[in-house]
Amino acid sequence: MAAHTAKAEPAMNNTDTFHTKSLDSGSLSADPGTLHDYVVDFLQREVGSDMKSLKNVSELLDGLVEENSVLEEQVLSVSSSVPPAVSLALCAAEEASASLEELLKRERLISNKLHQHLQGAQPWMDSLGQTLNQVDTIERHMKYLRCLQHIEELSAAVQQCLMTSSVWEAIRAVDSMAALDAGLSQSGCTHLQDFLRETLHFWHKIIKDRLANDFEKILTQLHWPIISPPTQTLTPTANSQEISSQLELLVTQLLALQTSDDLLSQRALLSSVPPTTQPVSPAQTPLCLPIQIMLQPLSKRFRYHFYGNRQTNTLSKPEWYLTQVLMWMSHSSVFMEERIQPILERAGATISARVELCRGLLSLVQEKVSSDACRLLYDDLLFCHLVEEVLQFEKELRSQQAYPAALPGLLHLLLDDATLQKWLVVEKKMAVEKMDAMLSAEGAWSSQYKDISDMDELKAPDCAETFMTLLQVITERYRPLPCPSAQLKFLGLQRELLDDFRIRLTQVMKEESRCPLGPRYCAILNAANYICTILADWGDNVFFLQLQQAAVSLGEEGVLGGLGLMEVGRLASLEGSLFEGLLALLDRLKADMLGRMLEWSMREIADKTKPYRQDKWLSLPSQHDQSTMSLSSSACPMMLCVRDRLLHLHQVLSLSLFQLAWQGLAERLDTLLYQEVILSNHFSDGGAAQLQFDMTRNLFPLFGHYCKRPENFFKHVKEACVVLCLNVGSAILLKNLLRESSEELLDSDGAGDPPPESALNELGVYCLAPCDVSILLNLRASWPGQ
């Protein structure tokens, strides 16, 4: 066996080697030529060229046969092992299925037994459930009775404490009732809650009345309420220390009673408002209990004087009760800050006594204003008066009394839909009536500052200044409103009034267009310019920028209506303003009126230039033949007309409009002289020199009063004079240069030469083109040989 094994090992080694080699060459079997070469190489390697080694062929053959048999056994063993594995899996599955069936049978058996058991136990369960329900009912009854007993105990404790004058213990017992009431807020025991609240209200009222009675006595000794200005020096009473101690004790006890008082007050407030209204805001929280008691005499006085059939209760005089309340606030502030506030601070109350008193007095005023506003919706004058007084009251309340901005005053009452709409209607009606009156007034188109030059730069007519003042007053009225949407409604009204005023200006302008230089026409132009100036300032005002952002965020159609997405985006980025549309219309009106004014002036000036245009420019003697130069006699009417027009425009137009006017006049005059005088004539040396003298020493200085370099506004005339007055040599060189440049431009072979513009620039000619300069050179008559 060992020998057989020993002999088998070399054979297996050879077989492995051959098998490896066979695998390595397996990829070559697909190619017959390659396979042939491989076999030859294999025999050469195993047998070699030695013929004696052929005896190893038999061993090699035996090894191959043995390897073949091993491979066949492996294939047979693998193929025979597969069916047993499948069979084992099938057997396991059958066993699992049988086990599952057995478990299902046991489950059905147990389920049947359990069902039978439950059916048998159901009567016991029903009986036990009834017993448990009875136990639960008894337990709830016990809790109910214990709660009821606790309430009775607290009630008895309060009664006992009041009998023994133990106020602090009575207050603590009442606070315990309040805490118990808060704990029962989610309970369904409505009768118990009602009993507890009635008990709480009963004892709270007794304690509150007792403390309030004592507190009122102390306040009477301290001369409260203070309805007149307090005196500066008060002689302290003998028992002032005792009064102060009692005051602090009573205020502290009332503050301790605040919890139950707030609970009762909030419940009464919630029960009085509809369930669909908004929750109670912090500004509607109950007042501090000591302040409530201190307000009672003031409330009685207020209702006595300003309700019922008293003469002081009149709809036409809201300022009576508004002023009275402000006086009470002012007179009481020192007492509240010096007497009550320190006690509140020592008691740990984080409230301001003065603000609490103002809040209580405001509640009286709010009720009165709300009632009066509803009754005045059909009386425009009285309604306007009420609004004015409310706005003035709000201003004094915030400034003089330093009432916090977080707390509402009276302005929110004006935001009611009916009241706000009425306010807008009346505001528009009053503004239109005032607009009619101001436009028809005798001095509507004259400036009230016309005799004061320092204050009359804009030269705004009285109607325009009054109108913009009217709009500014409207702005000041609605600026304090706490609602941006309401403010935007007033802004829309202002824009509507502005557009209406612009239309009226246009109508009057058309009536005065027959005389564009008349005082009323110029006043209309000044009015349009004045309104543009004010609106431009408003566009940069912080208040209007805030309204602009509010309009974009709220998507207010009344303000943004008709604007595209791009315009709205510009408003959102603060690149534009809400008055851009109106400014564009007013600028168009200004440009149209200014153009008519200049055209009218130029027609007059052009008529005065006829003698000057027909002057003998070609026959004028040379400058060397004249001792001195003087203005051409034919130019005098034109110069006088230009001077008079400039003086008149300077007197009747605002500074900014006059700047545009004289510049426009200079531009038109420059074109007129260049085309009608220069290009329409030929000039000798003397004619060119005379023209230059007339322009530079006479015409240009007329505009020199309004700028440093007036010749810059007469570029055509100035440069034409330069060309016409060139000496002969320079003129010949320039003419040849322009002719050669023109010829080279036609031949397109002179790209390397400098352009003629550079030569013209050296002479000071920048506006005229080379072709224009050539025409001017041809107008010269002083050429050699001529």
Foldseek 3Di string as FASTA:
>chain_A
DVVVVVVVVVLVVVLVVVVVVCVVCVVVVVPVVSVVVSVVVVCCVQQNPDPVSCVCVVVVVVSVVVSVVVVVVVVVVVVVPVVVVVVVVVVVVVVVVVVVVVVVVVVVVVVVVVVVVCVVCVVVVVVVVVVVVVVVVVVVVVVVVVVVVLLVVLLVQLVVCVVVVVLVSNLVSLVVLLVVLVVCVPPPPVVSNVVSLVSSVVSLVVSLVVLLVLLVVLVVVVVPPQQDADDPDDDDDPCNVVSLVSNLVSLLSQQSNVSSVQVVVLVVVVVVDDPPDDDDDPLNRDFRSVLVSSCVVVLVVLCVQQDDPHPNPDLQCLVSSLVSLVSSLVRCVVVQVPRPVVSCVVSVHPDRSSLSNNSVSQVSVQVVLLVSLVVCLPPLVSLVVSLVSQLVSVVCCCPVVVHDPVHDGNLVSCVPPSNLVSVLVSLLVVLVVVLVVLVPDPQNLFPPCLVPVVPCQLRAGPSLVVSVVSLVVLCSSCLPRPDLVSSVSSVLSSLVVLVVVVVVLVVVLVVVLVPLLDLNNLNSLSSLVVVLVVVVVVLPDPSQLVSLCVCLVVVDCSQCPPDDPVVSVCSNVSVGGSCVVVSVVSVVVNVVSLVSNLVVLVVQLLVLCVLVQVDPQAPADAPVVDPDADADPSCVSNLVSLLVVLVSCVSRHRPVSSVVNVLVNLLVVLVCCLVRRQLVAAHELRSLVNLQCCCPVRVQVSCCVPDPGSVVSNQSSNLLSLLQNDPQVVNVVLLVLLVVLVVCVVVVPPPPDDHSCVVSVVSVRDPDDSVRSNSSSVSYDPHPPD
